[in-house]
Every structure is written in structure tokens, then in C-alpha cells.
Amino acid sequence: MKQLFFTVVIALALATAPRASAQCFQFTQEHVDLLSVIWNSTSNQVSLMASDDTHGLLYASNQCVVICPESMKFTLPPGTPLGNEGDPLWILPQSPYTGVPYVGVSAEQVPSGVFNDPLTLKLTRLEGPGHFILWQAGSFGGFDVKMDTRDGIGSNESITLPVGGHAHYNWGFTTSGVYRAYFQASGVLLGQSTPAVSPETPFTFHILPLRPFETWTATNWPCECATNIIATGADPDADGTANLLEYAFGTNPHIALRTNLPAFSFVMDHGTNYGALSYTWDTNATDLILSTVAASTLAASGTWQPITNVHSSVSNGPTTQRITVRDNTPASAASARFYELRVRLQQP
């Protein structure tokens, strides 16, 4: 398992004592042209938006998310270019399927007489726990793979679309989780040779079931793609507590409050005084590993040692516990001690 970690260091010499959320529409069963090319004749700019054909609405990429239910998890048969026999693949199909988003691409809103045919839609980046494959199934069982991140993202991860055109593909994901796929649209204007290119535009997919931290992120920022808001190390409310720690401690990442933070204290155990570290843990955060360590110096030659003596564990909320772990070394036996809480997020 790959692991991310943050550390909180609390040192003591023992001898001395919110961002506004945008509208977020969830595509669960609609016909949506997720990559709909838009031409702004006033600014002479091309962009990508999601066109909700079911309701006749347009959404910016940070206003919508595509939901792929767990029921669309398939086991691959032998002989496909999509993976090994027995591998799982979550698929948003190229044909309508009850209770599943019908996801397409479109240049229907681009007027004629502006671009030379065709337009190009290119995958530029993918963030997520697995890989993404885009393909069309042929009438005789063939596979026309257009994008495949299993061997990286190169110039071949693209499709072309005529002005006024519309198409559907199979959208495949190799594992569940939150994905953000970044696309660019480009086309050559009539009478010019240099293509007009849209901004790199992320679109979000929730491939169910989500892992606990993904659920926490999707709940707090369902459509957000900016890493300075949603990354594990980001601190969008600027309270000095990174998202991963807000998640671990059960605090609100939208409100700048310094609550539930680790704290040092002395505790008495069988008549002996020890240094101790207390921290709050949200029991819903089951994909975290929290551990405490201690050292007598912060010098490079120092050694951090685990401390596992749980002095107390007290419920302090519906899903949170305040845990106090005491040192192995008595306070009288050291002139200084340093304590560190390590928070690790397990990821596939």
C-alpha cells in the first residue's frame, strides 16, 4: 500500500514545564455530453462545458460530477485489450443503460463557418486511484481504443469530432474512487493555421464505492478540482491544520478553528509521572493509521521510538474519541522529550 503522512511535533523540556461552495449537480442517469465544445464569438475563445441534454442545461466543470454506480463494475473476459482476464473494470457504457449516466462528447453548439473540421478533444492529465480507458465497441465485437492511461498519457490520447458532431464512447475505470480527468479542446479557425485551444479543464467522476477519505473529500467539495483546496496537505480555511489532519481529528475544513489538536500533558501511572500525548481521532476515518513516537532529541542522531501505552480513550463526540498515549520513559528519567503524532493515509 502506498502511504502519505503528516507529522505533528510537540516538544517539551520536562525540566521546565471558509471558501464558498459552487453549485454541484450529480449526473446519475442523465444524458450528458460531458465534453461539449463551446465557442465564444465575442472573446474568440473555445472552452469545454458539460451539456445536460436531459434538462437542457450547461454546467462548468466545477459545477458537476459524474456518478458511476457499483453495479457497473464488470469482470473482464479473456481476449480484450482492456486488461487481463478477471480484472475489474467500471464502465459508463456508450449505449443508454437504465440508472446510469449516458456520457457523450459534442460539438453541436459550435456554429458552422468558424472552424475547419475536425475538432480535437485530448486527455492531458488524470488524477485518481486507477487508470482510465476510452473506447468504442464495434458492431462485430471489436475494440477501438482512443485513450488509455495504463501506458502513460501521450499525444495519442485524443479523439476527433466534426463541427456539429456528437458521439458516445465507453468510459472505463480500473478501480473505484474519485477521478479527475483533464481535457483540452482545439480546432483550427478558418483562414488560420494555428489552432485555438481551450484551457485544460478537469471533470470529476465518482466511481463507487468511494473510500472513507474520498467520501469525506467528496462531501466537503463534491465538484472541486483545485489542489490548493482538496489535496491532503491543503489548508483551505487557513487555520494551520491540513485537510488530512482535519479528517483525522473530525474537524470542519471550512471553518478556521484550532480545535481537537494534539496536546501534551503529564499523567500518573502506578505512582510514576509520565509525559503523554493526547489527540482526537474520528472513528469514521478507517483508512488512517495514527501512531505516536517519542525522542529525547531532535538532532539527526536522535531516534524516534513508538509509544503505545494507551492511558485513556474517551468519547468526546458522536464519532470521535480523545486518546491519551503515555511515554515509556518516566518524566524523572529525562531532561527533555519530544513527541510526534504520525497520521498515515492508506491508498491503493
Protein backbone atom coordinates (compact mmCIF):
# COMPACT_ATOMS: atom_id res chain seq x y z
CA MET A 1 0.00 0.00 0.00
CA LYS A 2 1.24 3.49 -0.83
CA GLN A 3 1.14 5.82 2.18
CA LEU A 4 1.02 9.57 2.71
CA PHE A 5 1.91 11.05 6.06
CA PHE A 6 1.94 14.27 8.03
CA THR A 7 3.56 14.82 11.38
CA VAL A 8 2.66 16.97 14.34
CA VAL A 9 5.61 17.58 16.66
CA ILE A 10 5.03 18.67 20.24
CA ALA A 11 8.22 19.32 22.20
CA LEU A 12 8.68 19.99 25.89
CA ALA A 13 11.74 20.31 28.11
CA LEU A 14 10.48 18.34 31.09
CA ALA A 15 12.76 20.19 33.48
CA THR A 16 10.93 23.47 32.68
CA ALA A 17 7.21 22.74 32.26
CA PRO A 18 -14.25 29.33 4.60
CA ARG A 19 -14.45 29.18 0.63
CA ALA A 20 -17.96 29.32 -0.84
CA SER A 21 -19.12 26.07 -2.48
CA ALA A 22 -20.26 26.24 -6.08
CA GLN A 23 -23.43 24.53 -7.22
CA CYS A 24 -22.72 20.85 -7.81
CA PHE A 25 -25.03 18.74 -9.96
CA GLN A 26 -24.64 14.97 -9.84
CA PHE A 27 -25.18 13.13 -13.10
CA THR A 28 -26.64 9.78 -12.06
CA GLN A 29 -28.86 8.80 -15.00
CA GLU A 30 -28.95 11.78 -17.36
CA HIS A 31 -27.79 12.08 -20.95
CA VAL A 32 -24.81 14.39 -20.61
CA ASP A 33 -22.33 15.46 -23.25
CA LEU A 34 -19.61 15.85 -20.68
CA LEU A 35 -17.15 17.25 -23.21
CA SER A 36 -19.24 19.81 -25.04
CA VAL A 37 -17.20 22.26 -27.11
CA ILE A 38 -18.34 25.87 -26.71
CA TRP A 39 -17.25 28.74 -28.98
CA ASN A 40 -17.45 32.30 -27.65
CA SER A 41 -17.54 34.57 -30.70
CA THR A 42 -17.16 37.68 -28.55
CA SER A 43 -13.89 36.67 -26.92
CA ASN A 44 -12.84 34.30 -29.73
CA GLN A 45 -12.25 31.55 -27.21
CA VAL A 46 -13.04 27.85 -27.17
CA SER A 47 -13.99 26.08 -23.94
CA LEU A 48 -15.38 22.82 -22.58
CA MET A 49 -18.59 22.52 -20.58
CA ALA A 50 -20.99 19.73 -19.67
CA SER A 51 -24.22 19.83 -21.66
CA ASP A 52 -27.11 18.22 -19.79
CA ASP A 53 -29.26 17.09 -22.71
CA THR A 54 -31.92 15.71 -20.35
CA HIS A 55 -32.64 19.09 -18.79
CA GLY A 56 -31.23 21.45 -21.44
CA LEU A 57 -28.62 23.00 -19.13
CA LEU A 58 -24.91 23.78 -19.32
CA TYR A 59 -22.54 23.26 -16.41
CA ALA A 60 -18.98 24.37 -15.88
CA SER A 61 -16.64 21.55 -14.93
CA ASN A 62 -16.60 22.64 -11.26
CA GLN A 63 -20.40 22.51 -11.14
CA CYS A 64 -20.96 18.83 -11.92
CA VAL A 65 -19.79 15.32 -11.16
CA VAL A 66 -20.50 12.03 -12.95
CA ILE A 67 -21.53 9.13 -10.70
CA CYS A 68 -20.75 5.56 -11.82
CA PRO A 69 -22.62 3.07 -9.58
CA GLU A 70 -21.03 -0.08 -8.21
CA SER A 71 -23.44 -2.07 -10.38
CA MET A 72 -21.34 -1.06 -13.41
CA LYS A 73 -18.33 -2.99 -12.14
CA PHE A 74 -17.59 -5.77 -14.62
CA THR A 75 -15.12 -8.64 -14.69
CA LEU A 76 -13.14 -8.70 -17.93
CA PRO A 77 -13.37 -11.79 -20.12
CA PRO A 78 -10.29 -13.15 -21.91
CA GLY A 79 -9.06 -11.62 -25.14
CA THR A 80 -9.79 -7.91 -24.69
CA PRO A 81 -7.30 -5.02 -24.89
CA LEU A 82 -8.85 -3.57 -21.72
CA GLY A 83 -6.95 -5.69 -19.19
CA ASN A 84 -6.28 -9.21 -18.08
CA GLU A 85 -8.96 -11.84 -17.75
CA GLY A 86 -10.63 -11.47 -14.37
CA ASP A 87 -9.62 -7.82 -13.88
CA PRO A 88 -12.40 -5.47 -12.71
CA LEU A 89 -13.47 -2.53 -14.85
CA TRP A 90 -16.15 0.04 -14.04
CA ILE A 91 -17.85 1.10 -17.29
CA LEU A 92 -20.05 4.02 -18.27
CA PRO A 93 -21.42 2.48 -21.49
CA GLN A 94 -21.63 4.00 -24.94
CA SER A 95 -25.27 2.92 -25.22
CA PRO A 96 -28.10 4.04 -22.90
CA TYR A 97 -28.33 1.96 -19.72
CA THR A 98 -31.07 2.34 -17.12
CA GLY A 99 -29.97 4.16 -13.97
CA VAL A 100 -26.53 5.09 -15.35
CA PRO A 101 -25.30 8.38 -16.87
CA TYR A 102 -25.20 8.29 -20.67
CA VAL A 103 -21.96 10.18 -21.29
CA GLY A 104 -21.07 11.63 -24.67
CA VAL A 105 -18.99 14.28 -26.41
CA SER A 106 -20.36 17.04 -28.59
CA ALA A 107 -19.53 19.89 -30.94
CA GLU A 108 -23.20 20.54 -31.68
CA GLN A 109 -23.05 24.01 -30.15
CA VAL A 110 -20.18 25.13 -32.37
CA PRO A 111 -21.56 27.13 -35.33
CA SER A 112 -20.55 26.23 -38.86
CA GLY A 113 -18.22 28.53 -40.74
CA VAL A 114 -15.85 29.07 -37.79
CA PHE A 115 -13.54 26.05 -37.70
CA ASN A 116 -12.01 23.70 -40.18
CA ASP A 117 -13.08 20.13 -39.48
CA PRO A 118 -12.39 18.28 -37.31
CA LEU A 119 -12.07 19.47 -33.73
CA THR A 120 -9.81 17.55 -31.33
CA LEU A 121 -10.51 16.52 -27.76
CA LYS A 122 -7.38 15.49 -25.88
CA LEU A 123 -6.81 13.95 -22.45
CA THR A 124 -3.97 15.88 -20.81
CA ARG A 125 -3.91 14.60 -17.23
CA LEU A 126 -5.58 12.12 -14.90
CA GLU A 127 -5.81 12.19 -11.11
CA GLY A 128 -7.23 9.15 -9.38
CA PRO A 129 -6.50 5.77 -7.84
CA GLY A 130 -6.51 3.83 -11.11
CA HIS A 131 -6.43 4.14 -14.88
CA PHE A 132 -8.87 5.44 -17.48
CA ILE A 133 -9.73 3.85 -20.83
CA LEU A 134 -11.98 5.35 -23.53
CA TRP A 135 -13.11 3.14 -26.38
CA GLN A 136 -15.88 2.34 -28.82
CA ALA A 137 -17.19 -1.14 -29.33
CA GLY A 138 -17.53 -2.21 -32.95
CA SER A 139 -20.58 -3.93 -34.39
CA PHE A 140 -18.64 -7.20 -34.65
CA GLY A 141 -17.13 -7.11 -31.16
CA GLY A 142 -14.03 -5.06 -31.95
CA PHE A 143 -12.42 -2.52 -29.63
CA ASP A 144 -11.44 0.89 -30.94
CA VAL A 145 -9.40 2.26 -28.02
CA LYS A 146 -8.99 6.04 -28.11
CA MET A 147 -7.47 6.81 -24.70
CA ASP A 148 -5.61 4.51 -22.33
CA THR A 149 -3.59 5.81 -19.38
CA ARG A 150 -2.11 2.41 -18.49
CA ASP A 151 0.93 3.21 -20.63
CA GLY A 152 1.02 6.92 -19.79
CA ILE A 153 -0.65 9.94 -21.34
CA GLY A 154 0.69 10.94 -24.72
CA SER A 155 -0.40 12.58 -27.92
CA ASN A 156 -2.46 9.52 -28.85
CA GLU A 157 -4.95 10.10 -26.02
CA SER A 158 -7.34 12.05 -28.22
CA ILE A 159 -10.46 11.86 -30.34
CA THR A 160 -11.67 13.98 -33.24
CA LEU A 161 -15.14 15.36 -33.70
CA PRO A 162 -16.65 17.18 -36.69
CA VAL A 163 -18.22 20.58 -36.16
CA GLY A 164 -21.84 19.91 -35.22
CA GLY A 165 -20.97 16.30 -34.37
CA HIS A 166 -21.89 14.14 -31.40
CA ALA A 167 -20.56 10.76 -30.27
CA HIS A 168 -20.63 8.27 -27.41
CA TYR A 169 -17.88 6.08 -26.01
CA ASN A 170 -17.34 3.58 -23.24
CA TRP A 171 -15.64 5.24 -20.26
CA GLY A 172 -13.73 2.65 -18.24
CA PHE A 173 -12.03 2.93 -14.83
CA THR A 174 -9.81 0.21 -13.40
CA THR A 175 -10.75 0.72 -9.74
CA SER A 176 -13.26 2.64 -7.69
CA GLY A 177 -12.59 6.11 -6.30
CA VAL A 178 -12.57 9.78 -7.19
CA TYR A 179 -11.06 10.65 -10.58
CA ARG A 180 -10.39 14.00 -12.19
CA ALA A 181 -9.75 13.80 -15.91
CA TYR A 182 -8.34 16.91 -17.59
CA PHE A 183 -9.23 17.61 -21.22
CA GLN A 184 -8.49 20.24 -23.85
CA ALA A 185 -10.42 21.06 -27.00
CA SER A 186 -8.73 22.55 -30.03
CA GLY A 187 -9.58 23.49 -33.57
CA VAL A 188 -8.14 25.49 -36.45
CA LEU A 189 -10.16 28.58 -37.32
CA LEU A 190 -10.99 29.15 -40.98
CA GLY A 191 -8.22 31.06 -42.68
CA GLN A 192 -5.69 30.37 -39.92
CA SER A 193 -3.07 27.72 -39.29
CA THR A 194 -2.61 27.97 -35.52
CA PRO A 195 -5.26 26.10 -33.53
CA ALA A 196 -7.43 27.77 -30.91
CA VAL A 197 -7.05 25.76 -27.69
CA SER A 198 -9.32 25.65 -24.65
CA PRO A 199 -7.99 25.84 -21.10
CA GLU A 200 -7.07 22.50 -19.55
CA THR A 201 -10.43 21.56 -17.99
CA PRO A 202 -10.95 18.94 -15.25
CA PHE A 203 -14.09 16.83 -14.99
CA THR A 204 -14.86 14.77 -11.89
CA PHE A 205 -16.01 11.15 -11.71
CA HIS A 206 -17.11 9.32 -8.58
CA ILE A 207 -16.65 5.62 -9.28
CA LEU A 208 -18.48 3.88 -6.44
CA PRO A 209 -17.85 2.74 -3.80
CA LEU A 210 -15.64 5.56 -2.52
CA ARG A 211 -13.05 5.02 0.20
CA PRO A 212 -13.57 6.86 3.51
CA PHE A 213 -11.21 9.77 2.79
CA GLU A 214 -12.65 10.11 -0.73
CA THR A 215 -16.14 10.21 0.78
CA TRP A 216 -15.00 12.95 3.19
CA THR A 217 -13.48 14.96 0.35
CA ALA A 218 -16.49 14.44 -1.93
CA THR A 219 -18.83 15.52 0.88
CA ASN A 220 -16.90 18.70 1.59
CA TRP A 221 -16.04 19.60 -2.04
CA PRO A 222 -18.15 17.43 -4.38
CA CYS A 223 -17.08 19.17 -7.59
CA GLU A 224 -13.87 20.94 -6.59
CA CYS A 225 -10.71 20.16 -8.55
CA ALA A 226 -8.24 22.76 -7.26
CA THR A 227 -5.43 21.02 -5.37
CA ASN A 228 -4.96 24.02 -3.06
CA ILE A 229 -8.46 23.21 -1.79
CA ILE A 230 -8.79 19.42 -1.82
CA ALA A 231 -5.27 17.97 -1.54
CA THR A 232 -4.37 16.08 1.63
CA GLY A 233 -1.83 18.77 2.52
CA ALA A 234 -4.02 21.73 1.57
CA ASP A 235 -5.37 24.11 4.21
CA PRO A 236 -8.31 25.90 2.56
CA ASP A 237 -9.58 27.52 5.77
CA ALA A 238 -6.05 28.72 6.65
CA ASP A 239 -6.18 27.55 10.25
CA GLY A 240 -2.84 25.76 10.13
CA THR A 241 -4.42 22.29 10.02
CA ALA A 242 -4.06 20.38 6.74
CA ASN A 243 -7.04 18.53 5.26
CA LEU A 244 -5.69 15.11 6.22
CA LEU A 245 -5.46 16.23 9.85
CA GLU A 246 -8.93 17.84 9.74
CA TYR A 247 -10.17 14.45 8.52
CA ALA A 248 -8.29 12.57 11.23
CA PHE A 249 -9.38 14.88 14.04
CA GLY A 250 -13.02 15.19 12.94
CA THR A 251 -12.87 18.95 12.44
CA ASN A 252 -14.54 21.15 9.83
CA PRO A 253 -12.19 22.07 6.94
CA HIS A 254 -14.38 25.07 6.09
CA ILE A 255 -14.09 26.79 9.49
CA ALA A 256 -10.83 28.20 10.82
CA LEU A 257 -10.83 26.73 14.32
CA ARG A 258 -7.87 25.30 16.22
CA THR A 259 -9.79 22.52 17.96
CA ASN A 260 -9.16 18.81 18.60
CA LEU A 261 -5.42 19.32 18.13
CA PRO A 262 -2.82 17.09 19.83
CA ALA A 263 -1.78 18.31 23.27
CA PHE A 264 0.91 17.42 25.80
CA SER A 265 0.24 16.64 29.44
CA PHE A 266 1.65 14.73 32.40
CA VAL A 267 -0.16 11.60 33.58
CA MET A 268 0.34 9.48 36.67
CA ASP A 269 0.53 5.73 36.21
CA HIS A 270 1.14 3.44 39.22
CA GLY A 271 2.64 6.32 41.14
CA THR A 272 5.03 7.38 38.37
CA ASN A 273 4.76 10.59 36.36
CA TYR A 274 5.00 10.33 32.55
CA GLY A 275 4.77 12.70 29.64
CA ALA A 276 1.77 11.96 27.41
CA LEU A 277 0.31 12.99 24.08
CA SER A 278 -3.45 13.34 23.61
CA TYR A 279 -5.19 13.51 20.24
CA THR A 280 -8.68 13.24 18.81
CA TRP A 281 -9.47 10.56 16.25
CA ASP A 282 -12.59 10.38 14.09
CA THR A 283 -13.58 6.71 14.09
CA ASN A 284 -15.05 7.06 10.58
CA ALA A 285 -11.51 7.59 9.28
CA THR A 286 -10.87 3.88 8.94
CA ASP A 287 -8.28 4.30 6.19
CA LEU A 288 -5.88 6.12 8.52
CA ILE A 289 -3.08 4.79 10.70
CA LEU A 290 -2.31 7.03 13.67
CA SER A 291 0.81 6.38 15.71
CA THR A 292 2.78 8.25 18.37
CA VAL A 293 6.55 8.28 18.81
CA ALA A 294 8.93 9.97 21.22
CA ALA A 295 12.59 11.01 21.27
CA SER A 296 14.99 12.70 23.64
CA THR A 297 16.47 14.97 20.97
CA LEU A 298 15.59 16.41 17.57
CA ALA A 299 19.19 16.04 16.41
CA ALA A 300 19.89 13.90 13.39
CA SER A 301 21.43 11.30 15.67
CA GLY A 302 18.23 11.02 17.66
CA THR A 303 15.94 8.01 17.44
CA TRP A 304 12.16 8.11 17.44
CA GLN A 305 10.61 5.22 19.36
CA PRO A 306 6.95 4.17 19.29
CA ILE A 307 4.88 4.71 22.42
CA THR A 308 1.80 2.52 22.66
CA ASN A 309 0.66 2.72 26.27
CA VAL A 310 -2.92 3.96 25.97
CA HIS A 311 -3.62 5.79 29.22
CA SER A 312 -7.23 6.67 28.33
CA SER A 313 -9.71 6.64 25.45
CA VAL A 314 -12.79 8.80 25.97
CA SER A 315 -15.66 9.50 23.59
CA ASN A 316 -15.96 13.25 23.01
CA GLY A 317 -18.48 13.29 20.16
CA PRO A 318 -20.77 11.04 18.09
CA THR A 319 -17.84 9.66 16.07
CA THR A 320 -14.72 10.98 17.82
CA GLN A 321 -12.52 9.71 20.62
CA ARG A 322 -9.91 11.56 22.66
CA ILE A 323 -6.97 9.21 23.12
CA THR A 324 -4.08 9.76 25.52
CA VAL A 325 -0.90 7.76 25.00
CA ARG A 326 1.79 7.96 27.69
CA ASP A 327 5.53 7.82 27.27
CA ASN A 328 7.59 4.73 28.07
CA THR A 329 10.18 6.86 29.83
CA PRO A 330 9.31 8.38 33.25
CA ALA A 331 9.48 12.16 33.42
CA SER A 332 12.15 11.95 36.10
CA ALA A 333 14.45 9.95 33.82
CA ALA A 334 14.87 12.52 31.03
CA SER A 335 15.75 16.20 30.83
CA ALA A 336 13.79 16.68 27.62
CA ARG A 337 11.36 14.66 25.48
CA PHE A 338 9.77 15.29 22.11
CA TYR A 339 6.53 13.74 20.90
CA GLU A 340 5.26 13.24 17.38
CA LEU A 341 1.88 12.15 16.08
CA ARG A 342 2.07 10.46 12.69
CA VAL A 343 -1.02 10.31 10.50
CA ARG A 344 -0.85 7.98 7.52
CA LEU A 345 -3.44 7.64 4.76
CA GLN A 346 -3.57 4.23 3.14
CA GLN A 347 -4.17 4.35 -0.60
CA PRO A 348 -4.35 1.68 -3.30
